[in-house]
Amino acid sequence: VPHWEEGLAPAVLAPDYQRIMDVLAGGNGKRGEAMDCRRLAAALGLEP
């Protein structure tokens, strides 16, 4: 996982990390909404 810098897109991340970014960026909910790891795991389709 590279350090984030201006202009770097989530596409450079491994697929699991991209999915986490997508869910937290609004793919499964409201943009900017903070999630705990249990809710995040459920949003990713994993059993809690």
ModelCIF file with pLDDT and N, C-alpha, C, O atoms, coordinates in Angstrom:
data_MODEL
#
_entry.id   MODEL 
#
_entity.id                         1 
_entity.type                       polymer 
_entity.pdbx_number_of_molecules   1 
#
_entity_poly.entity_id                      1 
_entity_poly.type                           'polypeptide(L)' 
_entity_poly.nstd_linkage                   no 
_entity_poly.nstd_monomer                   no 
_entity_poly.pdbx_seq_one_letter_code       VPHWEEGLAPAVLAPDYQRIMDVLAGGNGKRGEAMDCRRLAAALGLEP 
_entity_poly.pdbx_seq_one_letter_code_can   VPHWEEGLAPAVLAPDYQRIMDVLAGGNGKRGEAMDCRRLAAALGLEP 
_entity_poly.pdbx_strand_id                 A 
#
loop_
_entity_poly_seq.entity_id 
_entity_poly_seq.num 
_entity_poly_seq.mon_id 
_entity_poly_seq.hetero 
1 1  VAL n 
1 2  PRO n 
1 3  HIS n 
1 4  TRP n 
1 5  GLU n 
1 6  GLU n 
1 7  GLY n 
1 8  LEU n 
1 9  ALA n 
1 10 PRO n 
1 11 ALA n 
1 12 VAL n 
1 13 LEU n 
1 14 ALA n 
1 15 PRO n 
1 16 ASP n 
1 17 TYR n 
1 18 GLN n 
1 19 ARG n 
1 20 ILE n 
1 21 MET n 
1 22 ASP n 
1 23 VAL n 
1 24 LEU n 
1 25 ALA n 
1 26 GLY n 
1 27 GLY n 
1 28 ASN n 
1 29 GLY n 
1 30 LYS n 
1 31 ARG n 
1 32 GLY n 
1 33 GLU n 
1 34 ALA n 
1 35 MET n 
1 36 ASP n 
1 37 CYS n 
1 38 ARG n 
1 39 ARG n 
1 40 LEU n 
1 41 ALA n 
1 42 ALA n 
1 43 ALA n 
1 44 LEU n 
1 45 GLY n 
1 46 LEU n 
1 47 GLU n 
1 48 PRO n 
#
_struct_asym.id          A 
_struct_asym.entity_id   1 
#
loop_
_ma_qa_metric.id 
_ma_qa_metric.mode 
_ma_qa_metric.name 
_ma_qa_metric.software_group_id 
_ma_qa_metric.type 
1 global pLDDT . pLDDT 
2 local  pLDDT . pLDDT 
#
_ma_qa_metric_global.metric_id      1 
_ma_qa_metric_global.metric_value   83.88 
_ma_qa_metric_global.model_id       1 
_ma_qa_metric_global.ordinal_id     1 
#
loop_
_ma_qa_metric_local.label_asym_id 
_ma_qa_metric_local.label_comp_id 
_ma_qa_metric_local.label_seq_id 
_ma_qa_metric_local.metric_id 
_ma_qa_metric_local.metric_value 
_ma_qa_metric_local.model_id 
_ma_qa_metric_local.ordinal_id 
A VAL 1  2 85.00 1 1  
A PRO 2  2 86.00 1 2  
A HIS 3  2 86.00 1 3  
A TRP 4  2 86.00 1 4  
A GLU 5  2 85.00 1 5  
A GLU 6  2 84.00 1 6  
A GLY 7  2 81.00 1 7  
A LEU 8  2 83.00 1 8  
A ALA 9  2 85.00 1 9  
A PRO 10 2 86.00 1 10 
A ALA 11 2 85.00 1 11 
A VAL 12 2 86.00 1 12 
A LEU 13 2 88.00 1 13 
A ALA 14 2 87.00 1 14 
A PRO 15 2 89.00 1 15 
A ASP 16 2 89.00 1 16 
A TYR 17 2 90.00 1 17 
A GLN 18 2 90.00 1 18 
A ARG 19 2 92.00 1 19 
A ILE 20 2 92.00 1 20 
A MET 21 2 90.00 1 21 
A ASP 22 2 90.00 1 22 
A VAL 23 2 90.00 1 23 
A LEU 24 2 89.00 1 24 
A ALA 25 2 85.00 1 25 
A GLY 26 2 79.00 1 26 
A GLY 27 2 60.00 1 27 
A ASN 28 2 51.00 1 28 
A GLY 29 2 46.00 1 29 
A LYS 30 2 51.00 1 30 
A ARG 31 2 56.00 1 31 
A GLY 32 2 60.00 1 32 
A GLU 33 2 77.00 1 33 
A ALA 34 2 87.00 1 34 
A MET 35 2 90.00 1 35 
A ASP 36 2 91.00 1 36 
A CYS 37 2 92.00 1 37 
A ARG 38 2 93.00 1 38 
A ARG 39 2 92.00 1 39 
A LEU 40 2 92.00 1 40 
A ALA 41 2 93.00 1 41 
A ALA 42 2 93.00 1 42 
A ALA 43 2 91.00 1 43 
A LEU 44 2 92.00 1 44 
A GLY 45 2 93.00 1 45 
A LEU 46 2 93.00 1 46 
A GLU 47 2 90.00 1 47 
A PRO 48 2 85.00 1 48 
#
loop_
_atom_site.group_PDB 
_atom_site.id 
_atom_site.type_symbol 
_atom_site.label_atom_id 
_atom_site.label_alt_id 
_atom_site.label_comp_id 
_atom_site.label_asym_id 
_atom_site.label_entity_id 
_atom_site.label_seq_id 
_atom_site.pdbx_PDB_ins_code 
_atom_site.Cartn_x 
_atom_site.Cartn_y 
_atom_site.Cartn_z 
_atom_site.occupancy 
_atom_site.B_iso_or_equiv 
_atom_site.pdbx_formal_charge 
_atom_site.auth_seq_id 
_atom_site.auth_comp_id 
_atom_site.auth_asym_id 
_atom_site.auth_atom_id 
_atom_site.pdbx_PDB_model_num 
ATOM 1   N N  . VAL A 1 1  ? 0.865   -1.180  0.000  1.00 85.00 ? 1  VAL A N  1 
ATOM 2   C CA . VAL A 1 1  ? 0.000   0.000   0.000  1.00 85.00 ? 1  VAL A CA 1 
ATOM 3   C C  . VAL A 1 1  ? 0.903   1.233   0.000  1.00 85.00 ? 1  VAL A C  1 
ATOM 4   O O  . VAL A 1 1  ? 1.614   1.477   0.975  1.00 85.00 ? 1  VAL A O  1 
ATOM 5   N N  . PRO A 1 2  ? 0.882   2.018   -1.094 1.00 86.00 ? 2  PRO A N  1 
ATOM 6   C CA . PRO A 1 2  ? 1.729   3.216   -1.142 1.00 86.00 ? 2  PRO A CA 1 
ATOM 7   C C  . PRO A 1 2  ? 1.161   4.315   -0.252 1.00 86.00 ? 2  PRO A C  1 
ATOM 8   O O  . PRO A 1 2  ? -0.029  4.319   0.060  1.00 86.00 ? 2  PRO A O  1 
ATOM 9   N N  . HIS A 1 3  ? 2.013   5.240   0.150  1.00 86.00 ? 3  HIS A N  1 
ATOM 10  C CA . HIS A 1 3  ? 1.553   6.416   0.891  1.00 86.00 ? 3  HIS A CA 1 
ATOM 11  C C  . HIS A 1 3  ? 0.756   7.287   -0.066 1.00 86.00 ? 3  HIS A C  1 
ATOM 12  O O  . HIS A 1 3  ? 1.140   7.464   -1.222 1.00 86.00 ? 3  HIS A O  1 
ATOM 13  N N  . TRP A 1 4  ? -0.361  7.832   0.420  1.00 86.00 ? 4  TRP A N  1 
ATOM 14  C CA . TRP A 1 4  ? -1.200  8.670   -0.423 1.00 86.00 ? 4  TRP A CA 1 
ATOM 15  C C  . TRP A 1 4  ? -0.485  9.985   -0.696 1.00 86.00 ? 4  TRP A C  1 
ATOM 16  O O  . TRP A 1 4  ? 0.162   10.550  0.185  1.00 86.00 ? 4  TRP A O  1 
ATOM 17  N N  . GLU A 1 5  ? -0.610  10.460  -1.924 1.00 85.00 ? 5  GLU A N  1 
ATOM 18  C CA . GLU A 1 5  ? -0.150  11.802  -2.282 1.00 85.00 ? 5  GLU A CA 1 
ATOM 19  C C  . GLU A 1 5  ? -1.079  12.341  -3.342 1.00 85.00 ? 5  GLU A C  1 
ATOM 20  O O  . GLU A 1 5  ? -1.784  11.576  -3.999 1.00 85.00 ? 5  GLU A O  1 
ATOM 21  N N  . GLU A 1 6  ? -1.089  13.638  -3.515 1.00 84.00 ? 6  GLU A N  1 
ATOM 22  C CA . GLU A 1 6  ? -1.974  14.305  -4.466 1.00 84.00 ? 6  GLU A CA 1 
ATOM 23  C C  . GLU A 1 6  ? -1.878  13.661  -5.841 1.00 84.00 ? 6  GLU A C  1 
ATOM 24  O O  . GLU A 1 6  ? -0.782  13.458  -6.365 1.00 84.00 ? 6  GLU A O  1 
ATOM 25  N N  . GLY A 1 7  ? -3.025  13.343  -6.419 1.00 81.00 ? 7  GLY A N  1 
ATOM 26  C CA . GLY A 1 7  ? -3.071  12.767  -7.754 1.00 81.00 ? 7  GLY A CA 1 
ATOM 27  C C  . GLY A 1 7  ? -3.030  11.256  -7.800 1.00 81.00 ? 7  GLY A C  1 
ATOM 28  O O  . GLY A 1 7  ? -3.206  10.672  -8.869 1.00 81.00 ? 7  GLY A O  1 
ATOM 29  N N  . LEU A 1 8  ? -2.804  10.609  -6.679 1.00 83.00 ? 8  LEU A N  1 
ATOM 30  C CA . LEU A 1 8  ? -2.750  9.150   -6.638 1.00 83.00 ? 8  LEU A CA 1 
ATOM 31  C C  . LEU A 1 8  ? -4.175  8.615   -6.465 1.00 83.00 ? 8  LEU A C  1 
ATOM 32  O O  . LEU A 1 8  ? -4.878  8.998   -5.530 1.00 83.00 ? 8  LEU A O  1 
ATOM 33  N N  . ALA A 1 9  ? -4.592  7.735   -7.365 1.00 85.00 ? 9  ALA A N  1 
ATOM 34  C CA . ALA A 1 9  ? -5.959  7.200   -7.343 1.00 85.00 ? 9  ALA A CA 1 
ATOM 35  C C  . ALA A 1 9  ? -6.009  5.856   -6.628 1.00 85.00 ? 9  ALA A C  1 
ATOM 36  O O  . ALA A 1 9  ? -5.006  5.145   -6.574 1.00 85.00 ? 9  ALA A O  1 
ATOM 37  N N  . PRO A 1 10 ? -7.179  5.501   -6.075 1.00 86.00 ? 10 PRO A N  1 
ATOM 38  C CA . PRO A 1 10 ? -7.317  4.208   -5.406 1.00 86.00 ? 10 PRO A CA 1 
ATOM 39  C C  . PRO A 1 10 ? -7.031  3.001   -6.316 1.00 86.00 ? 10 PRO A C  1 
ATOM 40  O O  . PRO A 1 10 ? -6.864  1.887   -5.819 1.00 86.00 ? 10 PRO A O  1 
ATOM 41  N N  . ALA A 1 11 ? -6.973  3.205   -7.621 1.00 85.00 ? 11 ALA A N  1 
ATOM 42  C CA . ALA A 1 11 ? -6.685  2.105   -8.549 1.00 85.00 ? 11 ALA A CA 1 
ATOM 43  C C  . ALA A 1 11 ? -5.301  1.505   -8.333 1.00 85.00 ? 11 ALA A C  1 
ATOM 44  O O  . ALA A 1 11 ? -5.038  0.392   -8.788 1.00 85.00 ? 11 ALA A O  1 
ATOM 45  N N  . VAL A 1 12 ? -4.406  2.224   -7.643 1.00 86.00 ? 12 VAL A N  1 
ATOM 46  C CA . VAL A 1 12 ? -3.066  1.686   -7.391 1.00 86.00 ? 12 VAL A CA 1 
ATOM 47  C C  . VAL A 1 12 ? -3.064  0.710   -6.210 1.00 86.00 ? 12 VAL A C  1 
ATOM 48  O O  . VAL A 1 12 ? -2.070  0.027   -5.963 1.00 86.00 ? 12 VAL A O  1 
ATOM 49  N N  . LEU A 1 13 ? -4.182  0.652   -5.488 1.00 88.00 ? 13 LEU A N  1 
ATOM 50  C CA . LEU A 1 13 ? -4.280  -0.237  -4.330 1.00 88.00 ? 13 LEU A CA 1 
ATOM 51  C C  . LEU A 1 13 ? -4.678  -1.644  -4.755 1.00 88.00 ? 13 LEU A C  1 
ATOM 52  O O  . LEU A 1 13 ? -5.292  -1.836  -5.804 1.00 88.00 ? 13 LEU A O  1 
ATOM 53  N N  . ALA A 1 14 ? -4.325  -2.615  -3.937 1.00 87.00 ? 14 ALA A N  1 
ATOM 54  C CA . ALA A 1 14 ? -4.745  -4.001  -4.159 1.00 87.00 ? 14 ALA A CA 1 
ATOM 55  C C  . ALA A 1 14 ? -6.278  -4.066  -4.090 1.00 87.00 ? 14 ALA A C  1 
ATOM 56  O O  . ALA A 1 14 ? -6.897  -3.211  -3.458 1.00 87.00 ? 14 ALA A O  1 
ATOM 57  N N  . PRO A 1 15 ? -6.893  -5.061  -4.728 1.00 89.00 ? 15 PRO A N  1 
ATOM 58  C CA . PRO A 1 15 ? -8.359  -5.135  -4.786 1.00 89.00 ? 15 PRO A CA 1 
ATOM 59  C C  . PRO A 1 15 ? -9.075  -5.063  -3.431 1.00 89.00 ? 15 PRO A C  1 
ATOM 60  O O  . PRO A 1 15 ? -10.097 -4.386  -3.325 1.00 89.00 ? 15 PRO A O  1 
ATOM 61  N N  . ASP A 1 16 ? -8.574  -5.733  -2.405 1.00 89.00 ? 16 ASP A N  1 
ATOM 62  C CA . ASP A 1 16 ? -9.225  -5.673  -1.091 1.00 89.00 ? 16 ASP A CA 1 
ATOM 63  C C  . ASP A 1 16 ? -9.244  -4.248  -0.541 1.00 89.00 ? 16 ASP A C  1 
ATOM 64  O O  . ASP A 1 16 ? -10.238 -3.815  0.043  1.00 89.00 ? 16 ASP A O  1 
ATOM 65  N N  . TYR A 1 17 ? -8.153  -3.532  -0.728 1.00 90.00 ? 17 TYR A N  1 
ATOM 66  C CA . TYR A 1 17 ? -8.066  -2.158  -0.244 1.00 90.00 ? 17 TYR A CA 1 
ATOM 67  C C  . TYR A 1 17 ? -8.966  -1.242  -1.078 1.00 90.00 ? 17 TYR A C  1 
ATOM 68  O O  . TYR A 1 17 ? -9.566  -0.312  -0.539 1.00 90.00 ? 17 TYR A O  1 
ATOM 69  N N  . GLN A 1 18 ? -9.065  -1.495  -2.385 1.00 90.00 ? 18 GLN A N  1 
ATOM 70  C CA . GLN A 1 18 ? -9.956  -0.717  -3.243 1.00 90.00 ? 18 GLN A CA 1 
ATOM 71  C C  . GLN A 1 18 ? -11.407 -0.875  -2.795 1.00 90.00 ? 18 GLN A C  1 
ATOM 72  O O  . GLN A 1 18 ? -12.168 0.093   -2.785 1.00 90.00 ? 18 GLN A O  1 
ATOM 73  N N  . ARG A 1 19 ? -11.786 -2.095  -2.426 1.00 92.00 ? 19 ARG A N  1 
ATOM 74  C CA . ARG A 1 19 ? -13.155 -2.338  -1.969 1.00 92.00 ? 19 ARG A CA 1 
ATOM 75  C C  . ARG A 1 19 ? -13.452 -1.558  -0.694 1.00 92.00 ? 19 ARG A C  1 
ATOM 76  O O  . ARG A 1 19 ? -14.536 -0.993  -0.555 1.00 92.00 ? 19 ARG A O  1 
ATOM 77  N N  . ILE A 1 20 ? -12.503 -1.521  0.236  1.00 92.00 ? 20 ILE A N  1 
ATOM 78  C CA . ILE A 1 20 ? -12.672 -0.755  1.475  1.00 92.00 ? 20 ILE A CA 1 
ATOM 79  C C  . ILE A 1 20 ? -12.841 0.723   1.147  1.00 92.00 ? 20 ILE A C  1 
ATOM 80  O O  . ILE A 1 20 ? -13.728 1.387   1.685  1.00 92.00 ? 20 ILE A O  1 
ATOM 81  N N  . MET A 1 21 ? -11.988 1.236   0.261  1.00 90.00 ? 21 MET A N  1 
ATOM 82  C CA . MET A 1 21 ? -12.078 2.647   -0.138 1.00 90.00 ? 21 MET A CA 1 
ATOM 83  C C  . MET A 1 21 ? -13.427 2.934   -0.791 1.00 90.00 ? 21 MET A C  1 
ATOM 84  O O  . MET A 1 21 ? -14.039 3.965   -0.516 1.00 90.00 ? 21 MET A O  1 
ATOM 85  N N  . ASP A 1 22 ? -13.899 2.022   -1.663 1.00 90.00 ? 22 ASP A N  1 
ATOM 86  C CA . ASP A 1 22 ? -15.162 2.214   -2.358 1.00 90.00 ? 22 ASP A CA 1 
ATOM 87  C C  . ASP A 1 22 ? -16.328 2.281   -1.379 1.00 90.00 ? 22 ASP A C  1 
ATOM 88  O O  . ASP A 1 22 ? -17.185 3.158   -1.486 1.00 90.00 ? 22 ASP A O  1 
ATOM 89  N N  . VAL A 1 23 ? -16.358 1.361   -0.433 1.00 90.00 ? 23 VAL A N  1 
ATOM 90  C CA . VAL A 1 23 ? -17.445 1.355   0.547  1.00 90.00 ? 23 VAL A CA 1 
ATOM 91  C C  . VAL A 1 23 ? -17.427 2.641   1.362  1.00 90.00 ? 23 VAL A C  1 
ATOM 92  O O  . VAL A 1 23 ? -18.472 3.263   1.554  1.00 90.00 ? 23 VAL A O  1 
ATOM 93  N N  . LEU A 1 24 ? -16.264 3.047   1.841  1.00 89.00 ? 24 LEU A N  1 
ATOM 94  C CA . LEU A 1 24 ? -16.181 4.250   2.673  1.00 89.00 ? 24 LEU A CA 1 
ATOM 95  C C  . LEU A 1 24 ? -16.359 5.542   1.865  1.00 89.00 ? 24 LEU A C  1 
ATOM 96  O O  . LEU A 1 24 ? -16.744 6.571   2.421  1.00 89.00 ? 24 LEU A O  1 
ATOM 97  N N  . ALA A 1 25 ? -16.081 5.490   0.562  1.00 85.00 ? 25 ALA A N  1 
ATOM 98  C CA . ALA A 1 25 ? -16.244 6.682   -0.280 1.00 85.00 ? 25 ALA A CA 1 
ATOM 99  C C  . ALA A 1 25 ? -17.679 6.844   -0.771 1.00 85.00 ? 25 ALA A C  1 
ATOM 100 O O  . ALA A 1 25 ? -17.987 7.817   -1.459 1.00 85.00 ? 25 ALA A O  1 
ATOM 101 N N  . GLY A 1 26 ? -18.551 5.914   -0.432 1.00 79.00 ? 26 GLY A N  1 
ATOM 102 C CA . GLY A 1 26 ? -19.943 6.081   -0.801 1.00 79.00 ? 26 GLY A CA 1 
ATOM 103 C C  . GLY A 1 26 ? -20.507 4.978   -1.646 1.00 79.00 ? 26 GLY A C  1 
ATOM 104 O O  . GLY A 1 26 ? -21.662 5.062   -2.063 1.00 79.00 ? 26 GLY A O  1 
ATOM 105 N N  . GLY A 1 27 ? -19.744 3.948   -1.918 1.00 60.00 ? 27 GLY A N  1 
ATOM 106 C CA . GLY A 1 27 ? -20.244 2.827   -2.701 1.00 60.00 ? 27 GLY A CA 1 
ATOM 107 C C  . GLY A 1 27 ? -21.392 2.117   -2.008 1.00 60.00 ? 27 GLY A C  1 
ATOM 108 O O  . GLY A 1 27 ? -22.292 1.611   -2.680 1.00 60.00 ? 27 GLY A O  1 
ATOM 109 N N  . ASN A 1 28 ? -21.387 2.065   -0.694 1.00 51.00 ? 28 ASN A N  1 
ATOM 110 C CA . ASN A 1 28 ? -22.452 1.424   0.091  1.00 51.00 ? 28 ASN A CA 1 
ATOM 111 C C  . ASN A 1 28 ? -22.878 2.362   1.226  1.00 51.00 ? 28 ASN A C  1 
ATOM 112 O O  . ASN A 1 28 ? -22.763 2.004   2.399  1.00 51.00 ? 28 ASN A O  1 
ATOM 113 N N  . GLY A 1 29 ? -23.346 3.501   0.901  1.00 46.00 ? 29 GLY A N  1 
ATOM 114 C CA . GLY A 1 29 ? -23.779 4.408   1.959  1.00 46.00 ? 29 GLY A CA 1 
ATOM 115 C C  . GLY A 1 29 ? -23.466 5.841   1.624  1.00 46.00 ? 29 GLY A C  1 
ATOM 116 O O  . GLY A 1 29 ? -23.191 6.174   0.471  1.00 46.00 ? 29 GLY A O  1 
ATOM 117 N N  . LYS A 1 30 ? -23.508 6.684   2.618  1.00 51.00 ? 30 LYS A N  1 
ATOM 118 C CA . LYS A 1 30 ? -23.340 8.112   2.472  1.00 51.00 ? 30 LYS A CA 1 
ATOM 119 C C  . LYS A 1 30 ? -21.853 8.474   2.479  1.00 51.00 ? 30 LYS A C  1 
ATOM 120 O O  . LYS A 1 30 ? -21.100 7.991   3.324  1.00 51.00 ? 30 LYS A O  1 
ATOM 121 N N  . ARG A 1 31 ? -21.434 9.320   1.542  1.00 56.00 ? 31 ARG A N  1 
ATOM 122 C CA . ARG A 1 31 ? -20.035 9.735   1.472  1.00 56.00 ? 31 ARG A CA 1 
ATOM 123 C C  . ARG A 1 31 ? -19.623 10.449  2.752  1.00 56.00 ? 31 ARG A C  1 
ATOM 124 O O  . ARG A 1 31 ? -20.368 11.265  3.294  1.00 56.00 ? 31 ARG A O  1 
ATOM 125 N N  . GLY A 1 32 ? -18.437 10.128  3.220  1.00 60.00 ? 32 GLY A N  1 
ATOM 126 C CA . GLY A 1 32 ? -17.913 10.778  4.400  1.00 60.00 ? 32 GLY A CA 1 
ATOM 127 C C  . GLY A 1 32 ? -18.390 10.170  5.705  1.00 60.00 ? 32 GLY A C  1 
ATOM 128 O O  . GLY A 1 32 ? -17.938 10.568  6.778  1.00 60.00 ? 32 GLY A O  1 
ATOM 129 N N  . GLU A 1 33 ? -19.296 9.212   5.623  1.00 77.00 ? 33 GLU A N  1 
ATOM 130 C CA . GLU A 1 33 ? -19.802 8.569   6.834  1.00 77.00 ? 33 GLU A CA 1 
ATOM 131 C C  . GLU A 1 33 ? -18.721 7.659   7.407  1.00 77.00 ? 33 GLU A C  1 
ATOM 132 O O  . GLU A 1 33 ? -18.196 6.792   6.709  1.00 77.00 ? 33 GLU A O  1 
ATOM 133 N N  . ALA A 1 34 ? -18.394 7.860   8.670  1.00 87.00 ? 34 ALA A N  1 
ATOM 134 C CA . ALA A 1 34 ? -17.399 7.014   9.327  1.00 87.00 ? 34 ALA A CA 1 
ATOM 135 C C  . ALA A 1 34 ? -18.043 5.685   9.695  1.00 87.00 ? 34 ALA A C  1 
ATOM 136 O O  . ALA A 1 34 ? -19.199 5.632   10.114 1.00 87.00 ? 34 ALA A O  1 
ATOM 137 N N  . MET A 1 35 ? -17.271 4.611   9.530  1.00 90.00 ? 35 MET A N  1 
ATOM 138 C CA . MET A 1 35 ? -17.768 3.271   9.855  1.00 90.00 ? 35 MET A CA 1 
ATOM 139 C C  . MET A 1 35 ? -16.798 2.575   10.778 1.00 90.00 ? 35 MET A C  1 
ATOM 140 O O  . MET A 1 35 ? -15.583 2.754   10.689 1.00 90.00 ? 35 MET A O  1 
ATOM 141 N N  . ASP A 1 36 ? -17.365 1.766   11.678 1.00 91.00 ? 36 ASP A N  1 
ATOM 142 C CA . ASP A 1 36 ? -16.491 0.907   12.470 1.00 91.00 ? 36 ASP A CA 1 
ATOM 143 C C  . ASP A 1 36 ? -16.214 -0.351  11.650 1.00 91.00 ? 36 ASP A C  1 
ATOM 144 O O  . ASP A 1 36 ? -16.861 -0.581  10.628 1.00 91.00 ? 36 ASP A O  1 
ATOM 145 N N  . CYS A 1 37 ? -15.278 -1.146  12.081 1.00 92.00 ? 37 CYS A N  1 
ATOM 146 C CA . CYS A 1 37 ? -14.827 -2.303  11.299 1.00 92.00 ? 37 CYS A CA 1 
ATOM 147 C C  . CYS A 1 37 ? -15.884 -3.395  11.182 1.00 92.00 ? 37 CYS A C  1 
ATOM 148 O O  . CYS A 1 37 ? -15.909 -4.122  10.189 1.00 92.00 ? 37 CYS A O  1 
ATOM 149 N N  . ARG A 1 38 ? -16.744 -3.518  12.164 1.00 93.00 ? 38 ARG A N  1 
ATOM 150 C CA . ARG A 1 38 ? -17.809 -4.520  12.088 1.00 93.00 ? 38 ARG A CA 1 
ATOM 151 C C  . ARG A 1 38 ? -18.796 -4.157  10.974 1.00 93.00 ? 38 ARG A C  1 
ATOM 152 O O  . ARG A 1 38 ? -19.171 -5.013  10.173 1.00 93.00 ? 38 ARG A O  1 
ATOM 153 N N  . ARG A 1 39 ? -19.216 -2.885  10.922 1.00 92.00 ? 39 ARG A N  1 
ATOM 154 C CA . ARG A 1 39 ? -20.120 -2.430  9.849  1.00 92.00 ? 39 ARG A CA 1 
ATOM 155 C C  . ARG A 1 39 ? -19.424 -2.482  8.498  1.00 92.00 ? 39 ARG A C  1 
ATOM 156 O O  . ARG A 1 39 ? -20.036 -2.836  7.490  1.00 92.00 ? 39 ARG A O  1 
ATOM 157 N N  . LEU A 1 40 ? -18.154 -2.130  8.479  1.00 92.00 ? 40 LEU A N  1 
ATOM 158 C CA . LEU A 1 40 ? -17.381 -2.150  7.239  1.00 92.00 ? 40 LEU A CA 1 
ATOM 159 C C  . LEU A 1 40 ? -17.279 -3.582  6.704  1.00 92.00 ? 40 LEU A C  1 
ATOM 160 O O  . LEU A 1 40 ? -17.434 -3.802  5.503  1.00 92.00 ? 40 LEU A O  1 
ATOM 161 N N  . ALA A 1 41 ? -17.024 -4.542  7.571  1.00 93.00 ? 41 ALA A N  1 
ATOM 162 C CA . ALA A 1 41 ? -16.949 -5.946  7.161  1.00 93.00 ? 41 ALA A CA 1 
ATOM 163 C C  . ALA A 1 41 ? -18.286 -6.404  6.583  1.00 93.00 ? 41 ALA A C  1 
ATOM 164 O O  . ALA A 1 41 ? -18.317 -7.099  5.567  1.00 93.00 ? 41 ALA A O  1 
ATOM 165 N N  . ALA A 1 42 ? -19.382 -6.022  7.221  1.00 93.00 ? 42 ALA A N  1 
ATOM 166 C CA . ALA A 1 42 ? -20.713 -6.398  6.721  1.00 93.00 ? 42 ALA A CA 1 
ATOM 167 C C  . ALA A 1 42 ? -20.975 -5.745  5.364  1.00 93.00 ? 42 ALA A C  1 
ATOM 168 O O  . ALA A 1 42 ? -21.537 -6.384  4.475  1.00 93.00 ? 42 ALA A O  1 
ATOM 169 N N  . ALA A 1 43 ? -20.578 -4.487  5.192  1.00 91.00 ? 43 ALA A N  1 
ATOM 170 C CA . ALA A 1 43 ? -20.760 -3.791  3.915  1.00 91.00 ? 43 ALA A CA 1 
ATOM 171 C C  . ALA A 1 43 ? -19.925 -4.421  2.806  1.00 91.00 ? 43 ALA A C  1 
ATOM 172 O O  . ALA A 1 43 ? -20.274 -4.320  1.630  1.00 91.00 ? 43 ALA A O  1 
ATOM 173 N N  . LEU A 1 44 ? -18.832 -5.065  3.174  1.00 92.00 ? 44 LEU A N  1 
ATOM 174 C CA . LEU A 1 44 ? -17.979 -5.750  2.201  1.00 92.00 ? 44 LEU A CA 1 
ATOM 175 C C  . LEU A 1 44 ? -18.489 -7.152  1.885  1.00 92.00 ? 44 LEU A C  1 
ATOM 176 O O  . LEU A 1 44 ? -17.916 -7.849  1.047  1.00 92.00 ? 44 LEU A O  1 
ATOM 177 N N  . GLY A 1 45 ? -19.564 -7.567  2.552  1.00 93.00 ? 45 GLY A N  1 
ATOM 178 C CA . GLY A 1 45 ? -20.145 -8.878  2.311  1.00 93.00 ? 45 GLY A CA 1 
ATOM 179 C C  . GLY A 1 45 ? -19.516 -9.991  3.132  1.00 93.00 ? 45 GLY A C  1 
ATOM 180 O O  . GLY A 1 45 ? -19.704 -11.170 2.833  1.00 93.00 ? 45 GLY A O  1 
ATOM 181 N N  . LEU A 1 46 ? -18.771 -9.621  4.166  1.00 93.00 ? 46 LEU A N  1 
ATOM 182 C CA . LEU A 1 46 ? -18.137 -10.616 5.031  1.00 93.00 ? 46 LEU A CA 1 
ATOM 183 C C  . LEU A 1 46 ? -19.009 -10.866 6.258  1.00 93.00 ? 46 LEU A C  1 
ATOM 184 O O  . LEU A 1 46 ? -19.734 -9.981  6.714  1.00 93.00 ? 46 LEU A O  1 
ATOM 185 N N  . GLU A 1 47 ? -18.925 -12.079 6.777  1.00 90.00 ? 47 GLU A N  1 
ATOM 186 C CA . GLU A 1 47 ? -19.626 -12.368 8.021  1.00 90.00 ? 47 GLU A CA 1 
ATOM 187 C C  . GLU A 1 47 ? -18.933 -11.602 9.144  1.00 90.00 ? 47 GLU A C  1 
ATOM 188 O O  . GLU A 1 47 ? -17.707 -11.498 9.151  1.00 90.00 ? 47 GLU A O  1 
ATOM 189 N N  . PRO A 1 48 ? -19.697 -11.066 10.088 1.00 85.00 ? 48 PRO A N  1 
ATOM 190 C CA . PRO A 1 48 ? -19.078 -10.296 11.173 1.00 85.00 ? 48 PRO A CA 1 
ATOM 191 C C  . PRO A 1 48 ? -18.428 -11.170 12.244 1.00 85.00 ? 48 PRO A C  1 
ATOM 192 O O  . PRO A 1 48 ? -17.871 -10.649 13.211 1.00 85.00 ? 48 PRO A O  1 
#
